[in-house]
N, C-alpha and C. Protein backbone atom coordinates (compact mmCIF):
# COMPACT_ATOMS: atom_id res chain seq x y z
N UNK A 1 11.84 8.90 21.89
CA UNK A 1 10.85 7.87 22.22
C UNK A 1 11.19 6.38 21.71
N UNK A 2 11.22 5.55 22.79
CA UNK A 2 11.55 3.83 22.62
C UNK A 2 10.38 3.74 21.32
N UNK A 3 10.94 2.93 20.39
CA UNK A 3 10.08 1.90 19.41
C UNK A 3 9.39 0.90 20.01
N UNK A 4 8.17 1.08 19.48
CA UNK A 4 7.35 -0.25 20.43
C UNK A 4 7.15 -1.41 19.55
N UNK A 5 7.97 -1.47 18.15
CA UNK A 5 7.84 -2.46 17.23
C UNK A 5 9.07 -3.06 16.84
N UNK A 6 9.14 -3.99 16.36
CA UNK A 6 10.39 -4.77 15.66
C UNK A 6 9.77 -5.04 14.26
N UNK A 7 10.52 -4.81 13.28
CA UNK A 7 10.22 -5.31 11.89
C UNK A 7 11.16 -6.59 11.90
N UNK A 8 10.29 -7.76 11.59
CA UNK A 8 10.94 -9.34 11.64
C UNK A 8 11.43 -9.37 9.94
N UNK A 9 10.42 -9.20 9.15
CA UNK A 9 10.90 -9.38 7.64
C UNK A 9 9.97 -8.60 6.93
N UNK A 10 10.13 -8.49 5.52
CA UNK A 10 9.49 -7.84 4.55
C UNK A 10 9.68 -8.21 3.09
N UNK A 11 8.38 -8.22 2.43
CA UNK A 11 8.62 -9.04 1.07
C UNK A 11 7.75 -8.57 0.26
N UNK A 12 7.72 -8.89 -0.96
CA UNK A 12 6.78 -8.70 -2.33
C UNK A 12 5.69 -9.54 -2.21
N UNK A 13 4.26 -9.34 -1.73
CA UNK A 13 3.57 -10.65 -1.67
C UNK A 13 3.02 -10.58 -3.16
N UNK A 14 2.82 -9.82 -3.51
CA UNK A 14 2.05 -9.59 -5.03
C UNK A 14 2.57 -8.65 -6.01
N UNK A 15 2.46 -8.95 -7.18
CA UNK A 15 2.82 -7.92 -8.28
C UNK A 15 2.24 -7.83 -9.38
N UNK A 16 1.54 -6.62 -9.98
CA UNK A 16 0.93 -6.67 -11.25
C UNK A 16 1.36 -5.65 -12.46
N UNK A 17 1.81 -5.74 -13.04
CA UNK A 17 2.15 -4.77 -14.26
C UNK A 17 1.12 -5.07 -15.61
N UNK A 18 0.11 -4.34 -15.82
CA UNK A 18 -0.49 -4.64 -16.98
C UNK A 18 -0.50 -3.48 -18.03
N UNK A 19 0.21 -4.01 -19.22
CA UNK A 19 0.27 -3.17 -20.30
C UNK A 19 -0.27 -4.35 -21.50
N UNK A 20 -1.12 -3.98 -21.96
CA UNK A 20 -1.75 -5.43 -23.15
C UNK A 20 -0.95 -5.39 -24.49
N UNK A 21 -0.32 -4.27 -24.96
CA UNK A 21 0.31 -4.36 -26.33
C UNK A 21 0.91 -3.10 -26.34
N UNK A 22 1.75 -2.95 -27.49
CA UNK A 22 2.42 -1.79 -27.96
C UNK A 22 1.52 -0.52 -28.06
N UNK A 23 0.39 -0.54 -28.44
CA UNK A 23 -0.33 0.56 -28.38
C UNK A 23 -0.78 1.07 -27.17
N UNK A 24 -1.08 0.14 -26.33
CA UNK A 24 -1.34 0.58 -24.87
C UNK A 24 -0.03 1.23 -24.36
N UNK A 25 1.20 0.73 -24.72
CA UNK A 25 2.38 1.30 -24.11
C UNK A 25 2.30 2.80 -24.51
N UNK A 26 2.27 3.02 -25.99
CA UNK A 26 2.42 4.18 -26.35
C UNK A 26 1.30 5.30 -26.00
N UNK A 27 0.19 4.71 -25.84
CA UNK A 27 -0.89 5.84 -25.55
C UNK A 27 -0.68 5.97 -23.95
N UNK A 28 -0.38 4.94 -23.21
CA UNK A 28 -0.04 5.11 -21.73
C UNK A 28 1.09 6.54 -21.35
N UNK A 29 2.22 6.21 -22.31
CA UNK A 29 3.29 7.21 -21.74
C UNK A 29 2.62 8.60 -22.26
N UNK A 30 1.62 8.73 -23.49
CA UNK A 30 1.15 10.13 -23.71
C UNK A 30 0.09 10.66 -22.57
N UNK A 31 -0.40 9.88 -21.71
CA UNK A 31 -1.18 10.11 -20.35
C UNK A 31 -0.59 10.05 -19.48
N UNK A 32 0.72 9.63 -19.13
CA UNK A 32 1.42 9.26 -18.03
C UNK A 32 1.37 10.30 -16.86
N UNK A 33 1.47 11.52 -17.10
CA UNK A 33 1.47 12.50 -16.35
C UNK A 33 0.22 12.76 -15.52
N UNK A 34 -0.99 11.93 -16.25
CA UNK A 34 -2.56 12.21 -15.76
C UNK A 34 -2.53 10.99 -14.58
N UNK A 35 -1.50 10.01 -14.46
CA UNK A 35 -1.72 8.92 -13.39
C UNK A 35 -1.25 9.22 -12.37
N UNK A 36 -2.08 8.43 -11.15
CA UNK A 36 -2.28 8.97 -9.93
C UNK A 36 -1.88 7.48 -9.10
N UNK A 37 -1.34 8.09 -7.66
CA UNK A 37 -0.73 6.82 -6.77
C UNK A 37 -1.73 6.85 -6.09
N UNK A 38 -2.07 5.29 -5.63
CA UNK A 38 -3.06 5.20 -4.71
C UNK A 38 -2.21 4.31 -3.61
N UNK A 39 -2.90 4.43 -2.30
CA UNK A 39 -2.28 3.61 -1.28
C UNK A 39 -3.23 3.05 -0.63
N UNK A 40 -3.16 1.65 -0.20
CA UNK A 40 -3.95 1.12 1.19
C UNK A 40 -3.44 0.32 2.01
N UNK A 41 -3.68 -0.01 3.06
CA UNK A 41 -3.09 -0.39 4.26
C UNK A 41 -3.87 -1.13 5.02
N UNK A 42 -3.45 -2.45 5.21
CA UNK A 42 -4.09 -3.51 6.02
C UNK A 42 -3.55 -4.20 6.81
N UNK A 43 -3.86 -4.76 7.81
CA UNK A 43 -3.20 -5.56 8.92
C UNK A 43 -3.85 -6.97 9.27
N UNK A 44 -3.19 -7.73 9.55
CA UNK A 44 -3.91 -9.26 9.85
C UNK A 44 -2.86 -9.76 11.28
N UNK A 45 -3.39 -10.20 12.15
CA UNK A 45 -2.60 -10.73 13.45
C UNK A 45 -2.21 -12.23 12.94
N UNK A 46 -1.06 -12.63 13.23
CA UNK A 46 -0.51 -13.61 13.12
C UNK A 46 -0.31 -14.45 14.27
N UNK A 47 0.09 -15.65 14.28
CA UNK A 47 0.46 -16.41 15.52
C UNK A 47 1.68 -15.78 15.90
N UNK A 48 1.89 -16.23 17.41
CA UNK A 48 2.99 -15.75 18.27
C UNK A 48 2.71 -14.15 18.21
N UNK A 49 1.51 -13.61 18.15
CA UNK A 49 1.30 -12.04 18.56
C UNK A 49 2.05 -11.24 17.42
N UNK A 50 2.38 -11.95 16.29
CA UNK A 50 3.18 -10.85 15.38
C UNK A 50 1.86 -10.27 14.64
N UNK A 51 2.26 -9.29 13.73
CA UNK A 51 1.43 -8.87 13.13
C UNK A 51 1.86 -8.28 11.41
N UNK A 52 0.92 -8.92 10.56
CA UNK A 52 1.33 -8.88 9.03
C UNK A 52 0.43 -7.12 8.55
N UNK A 53 1.47 -6.29 8.29
CA UNK A 53 1.22 -5.03 7.44
C UNK A 53 1.40 -5.03 6.14
N UNK A 54 0.19 -4.97 5.63
CA UNK A 54 0.23 -5.08 4.02
C UNK A 54 -0.11 -3.83 3.59
N UNK A 55 0.67 -3.14 2.75
CA UNK A 55 0.99 -2.17 2.04
C UNK A 55 0.56 -2.23 0.64
N UNK A 56 -0.53 -1.48 0.17
CA UNK A 56 -0.75 -1.84 -1.14
C UNK A 56 -0.64 -0.69 -2.18
N UNK A 57 0.16 -0.50 -3.02
CA UNK A 57 0.36 0.73 -3.80
C UNK A 57 -0.16 0.58 -5.34
N UNK A 58 -0.44 1.00 -5.98
CA UNK A 58 -1.04 1.18 -7.39
C UNK A 58 -1.00 2.66 -7.88
N UNK A 59 -0.54 2.39 -9.40
CA UNK A 59 -0.35 3.68 -10.26
C UNK A 59 -1.15 3.36 -11.38
N UNK A 60 -2.20 4.44 -11.48
CA UNK A 60 -3.32 3.85 -12.51
C UNK A 60 -3.70 5.42 -13.14
N UNK A 61 -4.29 5.24 -14.18
CA UNK A 61 -5.00 6.37 -15.19
C UNK A 61 -6.39 6.68 -14.56
N UNK A 62 -6.82 7.49 -14.14
CA UNK A 62 -8.09 7.67 -13.66
C UNK A 62 -8.87 7.85 -14.66
N UNK A 63 -8.55 8.18 -15.81
CA UNK A 63 -9.55 8.39 -17.23
C UNK A 63 -10.28 7.46 -17.83
N UNK A 64 -11.19 7.62 -18.49
CA UNK A 64 -12.05 6.67 -19.09
C UNK A 64 -11.48 6.14 -20.63
N UNK A 65 -10.35 6.31 -20.80
CA UNK A 65 -9.60 5.78 -21.96
C UNK A 65 -9.44 4.17 -21.92
N UNK A 66 -9.75 3.64 -23.11
CA UNK A 66 -9.83 2.02 -23.15
C UNK A 66 -8.51 1.49 -23.19
N UNK A 67 -7.44 1.99 -23.35
CA UNK A 67 -6.06 1.56 -23.46
C UNK A 67 -5.28 2.57 -22.66
N UNK A 68 -5.11 1.65 -21.48
CA UNK A 68 -4.14 2.26 -20.35
C UNK A 68 -3.49 1.12 -19.66
N UNK A 69 -2.33 1.58 -19.01
CA UNK A 69 -1.50 0.79 -18.24
C UNK A 69 -2.05 0.61 -16.65
N UNK A 70 -1.51 -0.19 -16.12
CA UNK A 70 -1.93 -0.41 -14.35
C UNK A 70 -0.93 -1.07 -13.78
N UNK A 71 -0.30 -0.58 -12.72
CA UNK A 71 0.75 -1.08 -11.86
C UNK A 71 0.28 -1.23 -10.69
N UNK A 72 0.46 -2.36 -10.10
CA UNK A 72 -0.01 -2.59 -8.25
C UNK A 72 1.14 -3.40 -7.65
N UNK A 73 1.70 -3.01 -6.38
CA UNK A 73 2.48 -4.09 -5.51
C UNK A 73 1.96 -4.23 -4.37
N UNK A 74 1.81 -5.26 -3.82
CA UNK A 74 1.55 -5.60 -2.48
C UNK A 74 2.74 -6.10 -1.82
N UNK A 75 2.88 -5.18 -0.79
CA UNK A 75 4.22 -5.22 0.08
C UNK A 75 3.88 -5.69 1.54
N UNK A 76 4.45 -7.05 2.04
CA UNK A 76 4.13 -7.30 3.44
C UNK A 76 5.12 -7.11 4.45
N UNK A 77 4.87 -6.64 5.56
CA UNK A 77 5.92 -6.55 6.58
C UNK A 77 5.49 -7.10 7.75
N UNK A 78 6.28 -8.23 8.25
CA UNK A 78 5.65 -8.68 9.69
C UNK A 78 6.58 -7.88 10.48
N UNK A 79 5.67 -7.81 11.49
CA UNK A 79 6.04 -6.72 12.79
C UNK A 79 5.86 -7.43 14.14
N UNK A 80 6.69 -7.52 15.04
CA UNK A 80 6.44 -7.93 16.63
C UNK A 80 6.16 -6.79 17.37
N UNK A 81 5.12 -6.44 17.94
CA UNK A 81 4.90 -5.72 19.01
C UNK A 81 5.66 -5.66 20.43
N UNK A 82 6.48 -4.74 20.87
CA UNK A 82 7.53 -5.05 22.00
C UNK A 82 6.64 -4.95 23.06
N UNK A 83 5.87 -4.00 23.34
CA UNK A 83 5.06 -3.75 24.63
C UNK A 83 3.65 -4.32 24.33
N UNK A 84 3.35 -5.63 25.06
CA UNK A 84 2.00 -6.43 24.64
C UNK A 84 0.90 -5.53 25.31
N UNK A 85 0.71 -4.47 26.03
CA UNK A 85 -0.21 -3.80 26.83
C UNK A 85 -0.48 -2.63 25.99
N UNK A 86 -0.23 -2.61 24.77
CA UNK A 86 -0.20 -1.24 24.27
C UNK A 86 -1.86 -1.06 23.82
N UNK A 87 -2.10 0.29 23.70
CA UNK A 87 -3.63 0.65 23.64
C UNK A 87 -3.82 0.53 21.76
N UNK A 88 -4.76 0.53 21.81
CA UNK A 88 -5.47 0.30 20.34
C UNK A 88 -4.98 1.43 19.55
N UNK A 89 -5.15 2.46 19.96
CA UNK A 89 -4.83 3.78 19.13
C UNK A 89 -3.21 3.74 18.74
N UNK A 90 -2.55 3.40 19.86
CA UNK A 90 -1.04 3.27 19.39
C UNK A 90 -0.85 2.28 18.49
N UNK A 91 -1.35 1.04 18.42
CA UNK A 91 -1.16 0.07 17.45
C UNK A 91 -1.44 0.58 16.06
N UNK A 92 -2.62 1.48 16.07
CA UNK A 92 -2.83 2.02 14.70
C UNK A 92 -1.95 3.08 14.00
N UNK A 93 -1.46 3.73 14.98
CA UNK A 93 -0.29 4.53 14.92
C UNK A 93 0.79 3.85 14.34
N UNK A 94 1.33 2.82 15.10
CA UNK A 94 2.29 2.14 14.61
C UNK A 94 2.15 1.55 13.13
N UNK A 95 0.76 0.86 12.95
CA UNK A 95 0.76 0.32 11.54
C UNK A 95 0.44 1.25 10.37
N UNK A 96 -0.14 2.21 10.61
CA UNK A 96 -0.28 3.35 9.76
C UNK A 96 0.42 4.66 9.47
N UNK A 97 1.48 4.57 10.56
CA UNK A 97 2.45 5.68 10.53
C UNK A 97 3.89 5.11 10.62
N UNK A 98 4.12 4.44 11.55
CA UNK A 98 5.49 4.20 11.93
C UNK A 98 6.18 3.13 11.01
N UNK A 99 5.50 2.01 10.72
CA UNK A 99 5.88 1.01 9.85
C UNK A 99 5.91 1.93 8.50
N UNK A 100 4.90 2.48 8.00
CA UNK A 100 5.11 3.02 6.55
C UNK A 100 6.32 3.99 6.47
N UNK A 101 6.74 4.41 7.79
CA UNK A 101 7.75 5.70 7.59
C UNK A 101 8.83 4.72 7.29
N UNK A 102 9.02 3.80 8.06
CA UNK A 102 10.23 3.02 7.93
C UNK A 102 10.51 2.26 6.74
N UNK A 103 9.28 1.61 5.94
CA UNK A 103 9.40 0.53 4.92
C UNK A 103 9.17 1.55 3.41
N UNK A 104 8.67 2.81 3.56
CA UNK A 104 8.29 3.26 2.36
C UNK A 104 9.32 3.79 1.55
N UNK A 105 10.18 4.17 1.85
CA UNK A 105 11.56 4.55 0.95
C UNK A 105 11.98 3.32 0.08
N UNK A 106 11.91 2.31 0.77
CA UNK A 106 12.46 0.73 0.00
C UNK A 106 11.51 0.59 -0.88
N UNK A 107 9.94 0.31 -0.60
CA UNK A 107 9.00 -0.03 -1.33
C UNK A 107 8.82 1.06 -2.51
N UNK A 108 8.94 2.43 -2.45
CA UNK A 108 8.74 3.42 -3.36
C UNK A 108 9.96 2.96 -4.30
N UNK A 109 11.04 2.71 -4.02
CA UNK A 109 12.21 2.60 -4.92
C UNK A 109 11.73 1.25 -5.73
N UNK A 110 11.15 0.14 -5.05
CA UNK A 110 11.24 -1.14 -5.76
C UNK A 110 10.12 -0.78 -6.94
N UNK A 111 9.01 -0.12 -6.61
CA UNK A 111 7.88 0.09 -7.06
C UNK A 111 8.06 1.20 -8.36
N UNK A 112 8.96 2.03 -8.25
CA UNK A 112 9.11 3.03 -9.44
C UNK A 112 10.13 2.09 -10.20
N UNK A 113 10.79 1.47 -9.65
CA UNK A 113 12.14 0.99 -10.47
C UNK A 113 11.22 -0.10 -11.59
N UNK A 114 10.45 -1.12 -11.18
CA UNK A 114 9.23 -1.84 -12.02
C UNK A 114 8.66 -0.94 -13.01
N UNK A 115 8.37 0.27 -12.55
CA UNK A 115 7.26 0.87 -13.57
C UNK A 115 8.29 1.48 -14.49
N UNK A 116 9.45 2.01 -14.11
CA UNK A 116 10.51 2.57 -15.12
C UNK A 116 11.19 1.51 -16.16
N UNK A 117 11.22 0.18 -15.51
CA UNK A 117 11.92 -0.96 -16.41
C UNK A 117 10.47 -1.60 -17.44
N UNK A 118 9.40 -1.09 -16.91
CA UNK A 118 8.30 -1.63 -17.81
C UNK A 118 7.99 -0.83 -19.04
N UNK A 119 8.64 0.28 -19.32
CA UNK A 119 8.55 1.19 -20.53
C UNK A 119 8.20 2.52 -20.15
N UNK A 120 8.61 3.09 -18.98
CA UNK A 120 8.32 4.47 -18.42
C UNK A 120 9.38 5.12 -17.71
N UNK A 121 10.53 5.35 -18.32
CA UNK A 121 11.83 5.50 -18.05
C UNK A 121 11.80 6.89 -17.13
N UNK A 122 10.80 7.89 -17.62
CA UNK A 122 11.14 9.27 -17.23
C UNK A 122 10.33 9.53 -15.89
N UNK A 123 9.62 8.45 -15.14
CA UNK A 123 8.76 8.66 -14.04
C UNK A 123 9.41 9.20 -12.98
N UNK A 124 8.81 10.27 -12.31
CA UNK A 124 9.53 10.73 -11.22
C UNK A 124 8.10 11.14 -10.49
N UNK A 125 8.21 10.75 -9.25
CA UNK A 125 6.98 11.27 -8.06
C UNK A 125 7.57 12.63 -7.57
N UNK A 126 6.85 13.68 -7.84
CA UNK A 126 7.19 15.17 -7.04
C UNK A 126 6.23 15.01 -5.82
N UNK A 127 5.55 14.37 -5.32
CA UNK A 127 5.01 14.44 -3.90
C UNK A 127 5.27 13.40 -3.14
N UNK A 128 5.55 13.53 -1.87
CA UNK A 128 5.82 12.32 -1.17
C UNK A 128 4.64 12.24 -0.28
N UNK A 129 4.57 10.93 0.21
CA UNK A 129 3.39 10.67 1.24
C UNK A 129 3.78 10.99 2.38
N UNK A 130 2.76 11.66 3.15
CA UNK A 130 2.98 12.28 4.51
C UNK A 130 1.93 11.14 5.22
N UNK A 131 2.71 10.16 6.05
CA UNK A 131 1.97 9.19 6.57
C UNK A 131 1.00 9.78 8.00
N UNK A 132 1.60 10.72 8.48
CA UNK A 132 1.16 11.43 9.69
C UNK A 132 -0.22 12.18 9.21
N UNK A 133 -0.06 12.88 8.04
CA UNK A 133 -1.17 13.88 7.55
C UNK A 133 -2.28 12.52 7.02
N UNK A 134 -2.04 11.57 6.59
CA UNK A 134 -3.10 10.61 5.94
C UNK A 134 -3.85 9.89 7.13
N UNK A 135 -3.04 9.66 7.95
CA UNK A 135 -3.66 9.24 9.47
C UNK A 135 -4.36 10.13 10.00
N UNK A 136 -4.18 11.41 10.00
CA UNK A 136 -5.17 12.32 10.78
C UNK A 136 -6.28 12.63 9.91
N UNK A 137 -6.24 12.61 8.44
CA UNK A 137 -7.50 12.52 7.60
C UNK A 137 -8.03 11.61 7.72
N UNK A 138 -8.02 10.63 8.01
CA UNK A 138 -8.59 9.34 8.34
C UNK A 138 -9.77 9.81 9.23
N UNK A 139 -9.46 10.63 10.59
CA UNK A 139 -10.79 10.56 11.32
C UNK A 139 -11.06 12.03 11.08
N UNK A 140 -10.90 12.81 10.00
CA UNK A 140 -11.73 13.75 9.59
C UNK A 140 -12.94 13.45 8.41
């Protein structure tokens, strides 16, 4: 199948690492196995018919503890749609699946590296994100 988009560029748009003090780091390390990854994907039309795809990852403690750490990266990808007569559903699939499949390995590597370098050297994600499955679940 021919690709209907081209990635023009991508970059870290925003980055947040919140570890308020050494006590928070120590407590966060204790509960780090309970942290969960969240993902949000947005898009904005730009001039010249380009689209900005914004992928936001966060890694946070869902518990009610007072001392916890928080990590978030906002990663922007500028794409150009090759077929100008593309259907809305196909455009959604490109933004929510195809672009994500292409950028996610690099984005995950950057994000996990930042978290590890922030004091959590043993972080490993066991479950990979299945963007096709996420897309399907959006409509169920």
